[in-house]
Amino acid sequence: MLENKYLFLAILGIMGVVAVSGCTSQTTTSANTVTIQNMAFNPATLNVQVGTTVTWTNKDSATHRVVSDTGLFNSGDLTTGMSYNYTFNQTGSFSYHCSIHPSMTGTVVVSTNDPSNSNTSTNTNSGGSGPKY
């Protein structure tokens, strides 16, 4: 019986660490969300404005890890139903992949203009905020 209490406390502690690390189960607007499903990022390319927080949500049965190709962000392990948020504070094109399944790739294009405008210009500077693992 005492061992079950310690196991329960350990599980609660792990859940607390995950919550503090930037992984959430909150839903955000779909315009700034990348769904991880069927071993793919959808959309594969997301256009946003500077200051936008992008949320990746794992709807796959497999665990995934969203990692910037330049090391700018790293979601840590995202199991089914978990999400990761990252705020992009500079313009540029930010490629990323699943480090567990390297064939899964995506890009976030950040501009100062309306992201629906196809004539936006970007540079390769990197910047943003969110936990790194």
Protein backbone atom coordinates (compact mmCIF):
# COMPACT_ATOMS: atom_id res chain seq x y z
CA MET A 1 0.00 0.00 0.00
CA LEU A 2 2.83 2.42 0.88
CA GLU A 3 4.55 1.61 -2.45
CA ASN A 4 1.38 2.61 -4.34
CA LYS A 5 1.41 6.02 -2.64
CA TYR A 6 5.02 6.59 -3.69
CA LEU A 7 4.24 5.52 -7.25
CA PHE A 8 1.28 7.91 -7.35
CA LEU A 9 3.45 10.77 -6.04
CA ALA A 10 6.16 9.98 -8.60
CA ILE A 11 3.62 10.09 -11.43
CA LEU A 12 2.25 13.42 -10.19
CA GLY A 13 5.80 14.78 -9.99
CA ILE A 14 6.55 13.75 -13.57
CA MET A 15 3.30 15.32 -14.76
CA GLY A 16 4.26 18.56 -13.01
CA VAL A 17 7.65 18.64 -14.74
CA VAL A 18 5.99 18.14 -18.13
CA ALA A 19 3.49 20.94 -17.44
CA VAL A 20 6.27 23.35 -16.45
CA SER A 21 8.42 22.43 -19.45
CA GLY A 22 6.04 23.96 -22.00
CA CYS A 23 4.03 20.92 -22.96
CA THR A 24 0.35 21.59 -22.53
CA SER A 25 -2.96 20.15 -23.48
CA GLN A 26 -4.58 23.53 -24.08
CA THR A 27 -6.18 24.15 -27.44
CA THR A 28 -5.19 27.24 -29.44
CA THR A 29 -6.54 28.67 -32.65
CA SER A 30 -6.10 26.28 -35.56
CA ALA A 31 -4.40 28.96 -37.67
CA ASN A 32 -1.30 28.69 -35.48
CA THR A 33 -1.43 24.95 -34.87
CA VAL A 34 0.52 22.13 -36.48
CA THR A 35 -1.12 18.75 -36.06
CA ILE A 36 1.11 15.69 -35.83
CA GLN A 37 -0.88 12.84 -37.31
CA ASN A 38 -0.31 9.89 -39.67
CA MET A 39 3.46 10.33 -39.24
CA ALA A 40 3.36 13.85 -40.72
CA PHE A 41 3.19 17.53 -39.74
CA ASN A 42 0.04 19.23 -41.00
CA PRO A 43 0.42 21.78 -42.42
CA ALA A 44 3.97 21.00 -43.52
CA THR A 45 4.57 24.74 -43.99
CA LEU A 46 2.97 27.28 -41.68
CA ASN A 47 3.11 31.03 -42.40
CA VAL A 48 2.83 33.32 -39.35
CA GLN A 49 3.67 36.84 -38.23
CA VAL A 50 6.42 37.82 -35.79
CA GLY A 51 5.32 37.27 -32.19
CA THR A 52 3.05 34.32 -33.03
CA THR A 53 3.00 31.31 -30.75
CA VAL A 54 2.81 28.09 -32.73
CA THR A 55 1.41 24.95 -31.11
CA TRP A 56 2.29 21.43 -32.24
CA THR A 57 -0.26 18.83 -31.10
CA ASN A 58 0.45 15.10 -31.28
CA LYS A 59 -2.63 13.20 -32.47
CA ASP A 60 -0.61 10.14 -33.45
CA SER A 61 -0.36 6.96 -31.42
CA ALA A 62 3.45 7.24 -31.63
CA THR A 63 5.66 9.53 -29.56
CA HIS A 64 7.22 12.44 -31.49
CA ARG A 65 9.83 15.12 -30.75
CA VAL A 66 9.67 18.44 -32.65
CA VAL A 67 13.22 19.77 -33.10
CA SER A 68 14.44 22.84 -34.99
CA ASP A 69 17.07 21.98 -37.61
CA THR A 70 19.28 24.68 -36.04
CA GLY A 71 18.64 23.67 -32.42
CA LEU A 72 16.48 26.73 -31.73
CA PHE A 73 13.68 24.69 -30.13
CA ASN A 74 13.08 21.13 -28.94
CA SER A 75 9.74 19.90 -27.66
CA GLY A 76 11.03 16.89 -25.79
CA ASP A 77 8.94 13.74 -26.12
CA LEU A 78 5.31 14.39 -27.04
CA THR A 79 3.09 11.40 -26.38
CA THR A 80 -0.46 11.15 -27.74
CA GLY A 81 -2.52 14.21 -26.84
CA MET A 82 0.42 16.37 -25.72
CA SER A 83 1.23 19.77 -27.21
CA TYR A 84 4.27 22.02 -27.42
CA ASN A 85 4.27 25.82 -27.83
CA TYR A 86 6.99 28.06 -29.26
CA THR A 87 6.84 31.81 -29.88
CA PHE A 88 8.64 33.12 -32.98
CA ASN A 89 10.07 36.60 -32.29
CA GLN A 90 12.11 37.13 -35.47
CA THR A 91 11.46 36.81 -39.18
CA GLY A 92 12.85 33.88 -41.10
CA SER A 93 12.24 30.39 -42.33
CA PHE A 94 12.52 27.84 -39.53
CA SER A 95 12.84 24.21 -40.63
CA TYR A 96 12.17 21.44 -38.14
CA HIS A 97 11.83 17.67 -37.97
CA CYS A 98 10.84 14.84 -35.67
CA SER A 99 14.11 13.59 -34.19
CA ILE A 100 12.51 10.19 -33.56
CA HIS A 101 11.19 9.91 -37.15
CA PRO A 102 13.62 12.02 -39.28
CA SER A 103 11.54 11.69 -42.46
CA MET A 104 8.93 13.93 -40.81
CA THR A 105 9.79 17.54 -41.66
CA GLY A 106 8.13 20.94 -41.61
CA THR A 107 8.79 24.66 -41.83
CA VAL A 108 7.47 27.75 -40.06
CA VAL A 109 7.86 30.92 -42.16
CA VAL A 110 7.75 34.06 -40.02
CA SER A 111 7.20 37.48 -41.57
CA THR A 112 6.33 41.00 -40.48
CA ASN A 113 3.53 41.11 -43.06
CA ASP A 114 0.18 39.35 -43.20
CA PRO A 115 1.14 35.66 -43.56
CA SER A 116 -1.54 35.17 -46.23
CA ASN A 117 0.33 37.62 -48.50
CA SER A 118 2.54 35.53 -50.82
CA ASN A 119 4.87 38.49 -51.48
CA THR A 120 6.41 38.47 -48.00
CA SER A 121 10.15 38.51 -47.62
CA THR A 122 12.03 36.60 -44.97
CA ASN A 123 15.60 36.17 -43.83
CA THR A 124 17.40 33.32 -42.12
CA ASN A 125 17.89 35.00 -38.72
CA SER A 126 16.70 32.79 -35.91
CA GLY A 127 14.90 33.81 -32.77
CA GLY A 128 12.04 32.98 -30.55
CA SER A 129 11.07 31.81 -27.12
CA GLY A 130 10.11 28.52 -25.66
CA PRO A 131 11.78 25.79 -23.67
CA LYS A 132 14.77 23.95 -25.11
CA TYR A 133 15.58 20.41 -24.03
